Amino acid sequence: MNVSAMEPFGKALLAFQNGDSGAEFLLRRDDGHEATIPAWLFFRNEAQFSDLEKSALELCKGSVLDIGCGAGSHSLVLQARGFPLTALDINPDAATIARQRGVKDVRCGDILSFSGGPFDTLLLLGHGIGMVETIAGLQRFLKAAHGLLKERGQIVLDSLDVRVTDNELHLAYHEKNRRAGKYIGEIRTMFEFRESKGLYCGWLQVDADILTEHAEQAGWRCQVVLQGEHGNYLARVTR
């Protein structure tokens, strides 16, 4: 993913960290659909986590790489529980904030060029798997994960089955992707925060069937651990 695409996201987190409790960023899809995300969501404590997030943290074992750590909320909980924890984010502002909040080992970079580990758990929450952008990117990530994990390691991730909708705008977007020969969950979106606008980038929302198919092709086994609301789900991927 292009680092500059995430700049508005980092600026929104930084604004919240510096006292702007109303800071929020905009996600603008390339068909014009918009969603506003409040920055405070990335600063929640454990009591404020969803059941899906709590279940994901319970699945973690051994040394953990928190990929797309954001402001470090999940990392802080795992660190407090005594897990050997490394937090990774491609956005420099997010990485700085995670350090300021007390995460001890924070790295800034792209997971596809990251060379640390090996780890027992790769953790991607907040639909963090989306950063692979496309199905081809998912295939690259699943291949690279073999080198980041120990023999009995695991990937714990959540994503969204975009088929679970009756919104006509979303359904039209899916059909547009089909006609272009693309997977329906390959989204093109732009991050915006006030005057700051990032470049359009890909964001992958992958259903469990497609995730399982590509995981198996890459030598993994995929299990849906928890089915949440509105198509959200938690999965565990193992060798």
C-alpha atoms as a PDB file:
ATOM      1  CA  MET A   1       0.000   0.000   0.000  1.00  0.00           C
ATOM      2  CA  ASN A   2       1.176   3.524  -0.798  1.00  0.00           C
ATOM      3  CA  VAL A   3       2.193   5.207   2.467  1.00  0.00           C
ATOM      4  CA  SER A   4       0.773   8.561   1.390  1.00  0.00           C
ATOM      5  CA  ALA A   5      -2.695   7.050   0.978  1.00  0.00           C
ATOM      6  CA  MET A   6      -2.879   6.651   4.769  1.00  0.00           C
ATOM      7  CA  GLU A   7      -1.646  10.149   5.696  1.00  0.00           C
ATOM      8  CA  PRO A   8      -5.120  11.549   6.534  1.00  0.00           C
ATOM      9  CA  PHE A   9      -5.751   8.560   8.807  1.00  0.00           C
ATOM     10  CA  GLY A  10      -2.589   9.312  10.772  1.00  0.00           C
ATOM     11  CA  LYS A  11      -3.425  13.011  10.979  1.00  0.00           C
ATOM     12  CA  ALA A  12      -6.857  12.236  12.418  1.00  0.00           C
ATOM     13  CA  LEU A  13      -5.321  10.001  15.086  1.00  0.00           C
ATOM     14  CA  LEU A  14      -2.744  12.669  15.856  1.00  0.00           C
ATOM     15  CA  ALA A  15      -5.463  15.318  16.229  1.00  0.00           C
ATOM     16  CA  PHE A  16      -7.312  13.115  18.727  1.00  0.00           C
ATOM     17  CA  GLN A  17      -4.090  12.349  20.610  1.00  0.00           C
ATOM     18  CA  ASN A  18      -3.478  16.092  20.882  1.00  0.00           C
ATOM     19  CA  GLY A  19      -6.884  16.799  22.413  1.00  0.00           C
ATOM     20  CA  ASP A  20      -9.388  17.039  19.561  1.00  0.00           C
ATOM     21  CA  SER A  21     -12.005  14.613  20.879  1.00  0.00           C
ATOM     22  CA  GLY A  22     -14.217  15.161  17.827  1.00  0.00           C
ATOM     23  CA  ALA A  23     -11.578  14.255  15.242  1.00  0.00           C
ATOM     24  CA  GLU A  24     -12.865  11.970  12.496  1.00  0.00           C
ATOM     25  CA  PHE A  25     -11.796  10.947   9.027  1.00  0.00           C
ATOM     26  CA  LEU A  26     -13.759  10.236   5.876  1.00  0.00           C
ATOM     27  CA  LEU A  27     -13.593   7.166   3.681  1.00  0.00           C
ATOM     28  CA  ARG A  28     -14.699   8.055   0.153  1.00  0.00           C
ATOM     29  CA  ARG A  29     -15.247   5.088  -2.147  1.00  0.00           C
ATOM     30  CA  ASP A  30     -14.583   5.621  -5.834  1.00  0.00           C
ATOM     31  CA  ASP A  31     -18.327   5.502  -6.602  1.00  0.00           C
ATOM     32  CA  GLY A  32     -18.945   8.421  -4.237  1.00  0.00           C
ATOM     33  CA  HIS A  33     -20.160   6.445  -1.205  1.00  0.00           C
ATOM     34  CA  GLU A  34     -18.863   8.004   2.032  1.00  0.00           C
ATOM     35  CA  ALA A  35     -18.396   6.779   5.601  1.00  0.00           C
ATOM     36  CA  THR A  36     -17.221   8.877   8.536  1.00  0.00           C
ATOM     37  CA  ILE A  37     -15.013   7.154  11.144  1.00  0.00           C
ATOM     38  CA  PRO A  38     -14.422   8.819  14.535  1.00  0.00           C
ATOM     39  CA  ALA A  39     -10.794   8.717  15.666  1.00  0.00           C
ATOM     40  CA  TRP A  40     -11.733   7.744  19.223  1.00  0.00           C
ATOM     41  CA  LEU A  41     -12.515   4.219  17.998  1.00  0.00           C
ATOM     42  CA  PHE A  42      -8.758   3.635  17.713  1.00  0.00           C
ATOM     43  CA  PHE A  43      -8.172   4.688  21.334  1.00  0.00           C
ATOM     44  CA  ARG A  44     -10.657   2.401  23.080  1.00  0.00           C
ATOM     45  CA  ASN A  45      -9.773   0.383  26.158  1.00  0.00           C
ATOM     46  CA  GLU A  46     -10.401  -3.339  26.581  1.00  0.00           C
ATOM     47  CA  ALA A  47     -13.837  -2.851  28.146  1.00  0.00           C
ATOM     48  CA  GLN A  48     -14.947  -1.040  24.988  1.00  0.00           C
ATOM     49  CA  PHE A  49     -13.835  -3.768  22.574  1.00  0.00           C
ATOM     50  CA  SER A  50     -16.417  -5.738  20.611  1.00  0.00           C
ATOM     51  CA  ASP A  51     -17.019  -9.424  21.331  1.00  0.00           C
ATOM     52  CA  LEU A  52     -15.182 -10.193  18.108  1.00  0.00           C
ATOM     53  CA  GLU A  53     -12.114  -8.234  19.230  1.00  0.00           C
ATOM     54  CA  LYS A  54     -12.154  -9.864  22.663  1.00  0.00           C
ATOM     55  CA  SER A  55     -12.372 -13.312  21.060  1.00  0.00           C
ATOM     56  CA  ALA A  56      -9.468 -12.478  18.755  1.00  0.00           C
ATOM     57  CA  LEU A  57      -7.253 -11.476  21.670  1.00  0.00           C
ATOM     58  CA  GLU A  58      -8.150 -14.699  23.481  1.00  0.00           C
ATOM     59  CA  LEU A  59      -6.923 -16.657  20.458  1.00  0.00           C
ATOM     60  CA  CYS A  60      -3.480 -15.046  20.575  1.00  0.00           C
ATOM     61  CA  LYS A  61      -0.602 -17.206  21.747  1.00  0.00           C
ATOM     62  CA  GLY A  62       3.143 -16.798  22.154  1.00  0.00           C
ATOM     63  CA  SER A  63       4.889 -13.916  20.451  1.00  0.00           C
ATOM     64  CA  VAL A  64       2.494 -11.610  18.578  1.00  0.00           C
ATOM     65  CA  LEU A  65       2.921  -9.260  15.630  1.00  0.00           C
ATOM     66  CA  ASP A  66       0.053  -6.744  15.677  1.00  0.00           C
ATOM     67  CA  ILE A  67      -0.177  -5.716  12.020  1.00  0.00           C
ATOM     68  CA  GLY A  68      -1.826  -2.372  11.368  1.00  0.00           C
ATOM     69  CA  CYS A  69      -1.668  -1.544  15.067  1.00  0.00           C
ATOM     70  CA  GLY A  70      -3.060   1.979  14.662  1.00  0.00           C
ATOM     71  CA  ALA A  71      -2.959   3.803  17.994  1.00  0.00           C
ATOM     72  CA  GLY A  72      -1.958   0.562  19.723  1.00  0.00           C
ATOM     73  CA  SER A  73      -5.115  -0.313  21.657  1.00  0.00           C
ATOM     74  CA  HIS A  74      -4.951  -4.077  21.015  1.00  0.00           C
ATOM     75  CA  SER A  75      -1.175  -4.086  21.474  1.00  0.00           C
ATOM     76  CA  LEU A  76      -1.462  -2.457  24.896  1.00  0.00           C
ATOM     77  CA  VAL A  77      -3.874  -5.135  26.113  1.00  0.00           C
ATOM     78  CA  LEU A  78      -1.685  -7.993  24.892  1.00  0.00           C
ATOM     79  CA  GLN A  79       1.428  -6.336  26.298  1.00  0.00           C
ATOM     80  CA  ALA A  80      -0.279  -5.967  29.687  1.00  0.00           C
ATOM     81  CA  ARG A  81      -1.121  -9.676  29.583  1.00  0.00           C
ATOM     82  CA  GLY A  82       2.555 -10.483  29.215  1.00  0.00           C
ATOM     83  CA  PHE A  83       2.717 -11.450  25.553  1.00  0.00           C
ATOM     84  CA  PRO A  84       5.988 -10.733  23.713  1.00  0.00           C
ATOM     85  CA  LEU A  85       4.519  -8.079  21.431  1.00  0.00           C
ATOM     86  CA  THR A  86       5.671  -6.233  18.320  1.00  0.00           C
ATOM     87  CA  ALA A  87       3.374  -3.603  16.812  1.00  0.00           C
ATOM     88  CA  LEU A  88       3.599  -2.659  13.141  1.00  0.00           C
ATOM     89  CA  ASP A  89       1.936   0.135  11.185  1.00  0.00           C
ATOM     90  CA  ILE A  90       2.724   1.643   7.803  1.00  0.00           C
ATOM     91  CA  ASN A  91       1.683   5.115   9.011  1.00  0.00           C
ATOM     92  CA  PRO A  92       4.408   7.053  10.889  1.00  0.00           C
ATOM     93  CA  ASP A  93       1.908   9.070  12.970  1.00  0.00           C
ATOM     94  CA  ALA A  94       0.128   5.916  14.110  1.00  0.00           C
ATOM     95  CA  ALA A  95       3.447   4.301  15.049  1.00  0.00           C
ATOM     96  CA  THR A  96       4.471   7.402  17.025  1.00  0.00           C
ATOM     97  CA  ILE A  97       1.153   7.489  18.893  1.00  0.00           C
ATOM     98  CA  ALA A  98       1.387   3.788  19.773  1.00  0.00           C
ATOM     99  CA  ARG A  99       4.817   4.478  21.309  1.00  0.00           C
ATOM    100  CA  GLN A 100       3.512   7.507  23.186  1.00  0.00           C
ATOM    101  CA  ARG A 101       0.694   5.398  24.625  1.00  0.00           C
ATOM    102  CA  GLY A 102       3.167   2.862  25.975  1.00  0.00           C
ATOM    103  CA  VAL A 103       3.659   0.137  23.384  1.00  0.00           C
ATOM    104  CA  LYS A 104       7.283  -0.863  23.895  1.00  0.00           C
ATOM    105  CA  ASP A 105       8.211  -2.370  20.515  1.00  0.00           C
ATOM    106  CA  VAL A 106       6.714  -0.439  17.608  1.00  0.00           C
ATOM    107  CA  ARG A 107       7.915  -0.664  14.015  1.00  0.00           C
ATOM    108  CA  CYS A 108       6.878   1.487  11.068  1.00  0.00           C
ATOM    109  CA  GLY A 109       6.679  -0.261   7.719  1.00  0.00           C
ATOM    110  CA  ASP A 110       4.816  -2.417   5.214  1.00  0.00           C
ATOM    111  CA  ILE A 111       4.094  -6.008   6.220  1.00  0.00           C
ATOM    112  CA  LEU A 112       5.184  -7.298   2.805  1.00  0.00           C
ATOM    113  CA  SER A 113       8.706  -5.938   3.359  1.00  0.00           C
ATOM    114  CA  PHE A 114       8.870  -6.627   7.115  1.00  0.00           C
ATOM    115  CA  SER A 115      11.631  -9.050   8.087  1.00  0.00           C
ATOM    116  CA  GLY A 116      11.145  -9.607  11.839  1.00  0.00           C
ATOM    117  CA  GLY A 117      10.082 -12.733  13.669  1.00  0.00           C
ATOM    118  CA  PRO A 118       9.325 -15.510  13.449  1.00  0.00           C
ATOM    119  CA  PHE A 119       6.171 -15.075  15.559  1.00  0.00           C
ATOM    120  CA  ASP A 120       3.556 -17.387  16.984  1.00  0.00           C
ATOM    121  CA  THR A 121       0.644 -15.110  16.024  1.00  0.00           C
ATOM    122  CA  LEU A 122       0.031 -12.565  13.296  1.00  0.00           C
ATOM    123  CA  LEU A 123      -2.893 -10.381  14.389  1.00  0.00           C
ATOM    124  CA  LEU A 124      -4.895  -8.209  11.972  1.00  0.00           C
ATOM    125  CA  LEU A 125      -7.947  -6.531  13.487  1.00  0.00           C
ATOM    126  CA  GLY A 126     -10.154  -3.666  12.371  1.00  0.00           C
ATOM    127  CA  HIS A 127     -10.382  -5.308   8.931  1.00  0.00           C
ATOM    128  CA  GLY A 128      -6.620  -4.846   8.739  1.00  0.00           C
ATOM    129  CA  ILE A 129      -6.329  -7.565   6.101  1.00  0.00           C
ATOM    130  CA  GLY A 130      -7.797  -4.926   3.800  1.00  0.00           C
ATOM    131  CA  MET A 131      -4.361  -3.347   3.443  1.00  0.00           C
ATOM    132  CA  VAL A 132      -3.400  -6.114   0.972  1.00  0.00           C
ATOM    133  CA  GLU A 133      -5.761  -4.241  -1.405  1.00  0.00           C
ATOM    134  CA  THR A 134      -6.637  -7.043  -3.847  1.00  0.00           C
ATOM    135  CA  ILE A 135      -6.933 -10.813  -4.153  1.00  0.00           C
ATOM    136  CA  ALA A 136      -3.459 -10.820  -5.700  1.00  0.00           C
ATOM    137  CA  GLY A 137      -2.239  -8.903  -2.651  1.00  0.00           C
ATOM    138  CA  LEU A 138      -3.888 -11.465  -0.375  1.00  0.00           C
ATOM    139  CA  GLN A 139      -2.008 -14.221  -2.180  1.00  0.00           C
ATOM    140  CA  ARG A 140       1.284 -12.354  -1.673  1.00  0.00           C
ATOM    141  CA  PHE A 141       0.527 -11.860   2.022  1.00  0.00           C
ATOM    142  CA  LEU A 142      -0.373 -15.512   2.608  1.00  0.00           C
ATOM    143  CA  LYS A 143       2.871 -16.550   0.924  1.00  0.00           C
ATOM    144  CA  ALA A 144       4.940 -14.048   2.922  1.00  0.00           C
ATOM    145  CA  ALA A 145       3.285 -15.139   6.190  1.00  0.00           C
ATOM    146  CA  HIS A 146       5.064 -18.495   6.017  1.00  0.00           C
ATOM    147  CA  GLY A 147       8.335 -16.657   6.608  1.00  0.00           C
ATOM    148  CA  LEU A 148       6.942 -14.603   9.498  1.00  0.00           C
ATOM    149  CA  LEU A 149       5.474 -17.457  11.528  1.00  0.00           C
ATOM    150  CA  LYS A 150       6.880 -20.358  13.495  1.00  0.00           C
ATOM    151  CA  GLU A 151       5.976 -23.880  12.412  1.00  0.00           C
ATOM    152  CA  ARG A 152       2.828 -23.974  14.577  1.00  0.00           C
ATOM    153  CA  GLY A 153       2.043 -20.305  14.103  1.00  0.00           C
ATOM    154  CA  GLN A 154      -1.314 -18.753  13.251  1.00  0.00           C
ATOM    155  CA  ILE A 155      -2.937 -15.748  11.617  1.00  0.00           C
ATOM    156  CA  VAL A 156      -5.882 -14.224  13.488  1.00  0.00           C
ATOM    157  CA  LEU A 157      -7.908 -11.775  11.413  1.00  0.00           C
ATOM    158  CA  ASP A 158     -11.325 -10.273  10.909  1.00  0.00           C
ATOM    159  CA  SER A 159     -12.961  -9.165   7.695  1.00  0.00           C
ATOM    160  CA  LEU A 160     -16.317  -8.476   6.108  1.00  0.00           C
ATOM    161  CA  ASP A 161     -18.466 -10.538   3.778  1.00  0.00           C
ATOM    162  CA  VAL A 162     -19.752  -7.748   1.545  1.00  0.00           C
ATOM    163  CA  ARG A 163     -22.434 -10.063   0.145  1.00  0.00           C
ATOM    164  CA  VAL A 164     -24.367  -9.570   3.385  1.00  0.00           C
ATOM    165  CA  THR A 165     -26.181  -6.421   2.282  1.00  0.00           C
ATOM    166  CA  ASP A 166     -29.368  -5.227   0.646  1.00  0.00           C
ATOM    167  CA  ASN A 167     -28.023  -1.706   0.064  1.00  0.00           C
ATOM    168  CA  GLU A 168     -28.585  -0.949  -3.614  1.00  0.00           C
ATOM    169  CA  LEU A 169     -25.492   1.259  -3.837  1.00  0.00           C
ATOM    170  CA  HIS A 170     -23.280  -1.561  -2.511  1.00  0.00           C
ATOM    171  CA  LEU A 171     -24.933  -4.123  -4.775  1.00  0.00           C
ATOM    172  CA  ALA A 172     -24.329  -1.876  -7.783  1.00  0.00           C
ATOM    173  CA  TYR A 173     -20.672  -1.580  -6.769  1.00  0.00           C
ATOM    174  CA  HIS A 174     -20.395  -5.371  -6.595  1.00  0.00           C
ATOM    175  CA  GLU A 175     -21.906  -5.704 -10.047  1.00  0.00           C
ATOM    176  CA  LYS A 176     -19.502  -3.096 -11.426  1.00  0.00           C
ATOM    177  CA  ASN A 177     -16.589  -5.134 -10.053  1.00  0.00           C
ATOM    178  CA  ARG A 178     -17.966  -8.347 -11.564  1.00  0.00           C
ATOM    179  CA  ARG A 179     -18.263  -6.746 -14.981  1.00  0.00           C
ATOM    180  CA  ALA A 180     -14.667  -5.549 -14.691  1.00  0.00           C
ATOM    181  CA  GLY A 181     -13.539  -9.103 -13.878  1.00  0.00           C
ATOM    182  CA  LYS A 182     -12.708  -8.200 -10.277  1.00  0.00           C
ATOM    183  CA  TYR A 183     -13.667  -9.765  -6.958  1.00  0.00           C
ATOM    184  CA  ILE A 184     -16.638  -7.892  -5.487  1.00  0.00           C
ATOM    185  CA  GLY A 185     -14.782  -7.070  -2.252  1.00  0.00           C
ATOM    186  CA  GLU A 186     -11.925  -5.246  -3.993  1.00  0.00           C
ATOM    187  CA  ILE A 187     -12.744  -1.702  -2.925  1.00  0.00           C
ATOM    188  CA  ARG A 188     -11.136   1.528  -4.108  1.00  0.00           C
ATOM    189  CA  THR A 189     -11.223   4.195  -1.414  1.00  0.00           C
ATOM    190  CA  MET A 190      -9.685   7.500  -0.351  1.00  0.00           C
ATOM    191  CA  PHE A 191      -8.898   8.645   3.199  1.00  0.00           C
ATOM    192  CA  GLU A 192      -9.694  12.294   3.972  1.00  0.00           C
ATOM    193  CA  PHE A 193      -9.168  14.407   7.086  1.00  0.00           C
ATOM    194  CA  ARG A 194     -10.102  18.068   6.796  1.00  0.00           C
ATOM    195  CA  GLU A 195      -7.925  19.539   4.037  1.00  0.00           C
ATOM    196  CA  SER A 196      -5.780  16.405   3.778  1.00  0.00           C
ATOM    197  CA  LYS A 197      -6.743  13.933   1.033  1.00  0.00           C
ATOM    198  CA  GLY A 198      -4.856  10.743   0.341  1.00  0.00           C
ATOM    199  CA  LEU A 199      -4.495   8.939  -2.946  1.00  0.00           C
ATOM    200  CA  TYR A 200      -7.107   6.361  -3.890  1.00  0.00           C
ATOM    201  CA  CYS A 201      -5.976   2.938  -2.724  1.00  0.00           C
ATOM    202  CA  GLY A 202      -7.302  -0.579  -2.721  1.00  0.00           C
ATOM    203  CA  TRP A 203      -8.960  -2.083   0.344  1.00  0.00           C
ATOM    204  CA  LEU A 204      -9.941  -5.752   0.390  1.00  0.00           C
ATOM    205  CA  GLN A 205     -13.054  -7.003   2.150  1.00  0.00           C
ATOM    206  CA  VAL A 206     -12.826 -10.756   1.718  1.00  0.00           C
ATOM    207  CA  ASP A 207     -15.556 -13.272   2.505  1.00  0.00           C
ATOM    208  CA  ALA A 208     -14.650 -16.439   4.398  1.00  0.00           C
ATOM    209  CA  ASP A 209     -15.176 -18.723   1.387  1.00  0.00           C
ATOM    210  CA  ILE A 210     -12.703 -16.806  -0.772  1.00  0.00           C
ATOM    211  CA  LEU A 211     -10.268 -16.457   2.138  1.00  0.00           C
ATOM    212  CA  THR A 212     -10.421 -20.226   2.709  1.00  0.00           C
ATOM    213  CA  GLU A 213      -9.899 -20.961  -0.980  1.00  0.00           C
ATOM    214  CA  HIS A 214      -6.768 -18.824  -1.247  1.00  0.00           C
ATOM    215  CA  ALA A 215      -5.464 -19.895   2.156  1.00  0.00           C
ATOM    216  CA  GLU A 216      -5.596 -23.547   1.078  1.00  0.00           C
ATOM    217  CA  GLN A 217      -3.827 -22.743  -2.177  1.00  0.00           C
ATOM    218  CA  ALA A 218      -1.017 -21.155  -0.149  1.00  0.00           C
ATOM    219  CA  GLY A 219      -0.674 -24.104   2.236  1.00  0.00           C
ATOM    220  CA  TRP A 220      -2.924 -22.843   5.044  1.00  0.00           C
ATOM    221  CA  ARG A 221      -6.116 -23.996   6.707  1.00  0.00           C
ATOM    222  CA  CYS A 222      -8.828 -21.438   7.518  1.00  0.00           C
ATOM    223  CA  GLN A 223     -11.444 -21.689  10.280  1.00  0.00           C
ATOM    224  CA  VAL A 224     -14.207 -19.176  10.967  1.00  0.00           C
ATOM    225  CA  VAL A 225     -14.152 -18.777  14.744  1.00  0.00           C
ATOM    226  CA  LEU A 226     -16.930 -16.242  15.202  1.00  0.00           C
ATOM    227  CA  GLN A 227     -19.655 -14.920  12.939  1.00  0.00           C
ATOM    228  CA  GLY A 228     -20.531 -11.348  13.864  1.00  0.00           C
ATOM    229  CA  GLU A 229     -23.201  -8.955  12.694  1.00  0.00           C
ATOM    230  CA  HIS A 230     -23.618  -7.460   9.218  1.00  0.00           C
ATOM    231  CA  GLY A 231     -21.183  -9.893   7.578  1.00  0.00           C
ATOM    232  CA  ASN A 232     -18.299  -9.358   9.979  1.00  0.00           C
ATOM    233  CA  TYR A 233     -16.424 -12.498  10.983  1.00  0.00           C
ATOM    234  CA  LEU A 234     -13.304 -13.656  12.838  1.00  0.00           C
ATOM    235  CA  ALA A 235     -11.028 -16.287  11.300  1.00  0.00           C
ATOM    236  CA  ARG A 236      -8.002 -18.300  12.384  1.00  0.00           C
ATOM    237  CA  VAL A 237      -5.546 -19.419   9.716  1.00  0.00           C
ATOM    238  CA  THR A 238      -3.022 -22.181  10.469  1.00  0.00           C
ATOM    239  CA  ARG A 239      -0.619 -24.376   8.501  1.00  0.00           C
END
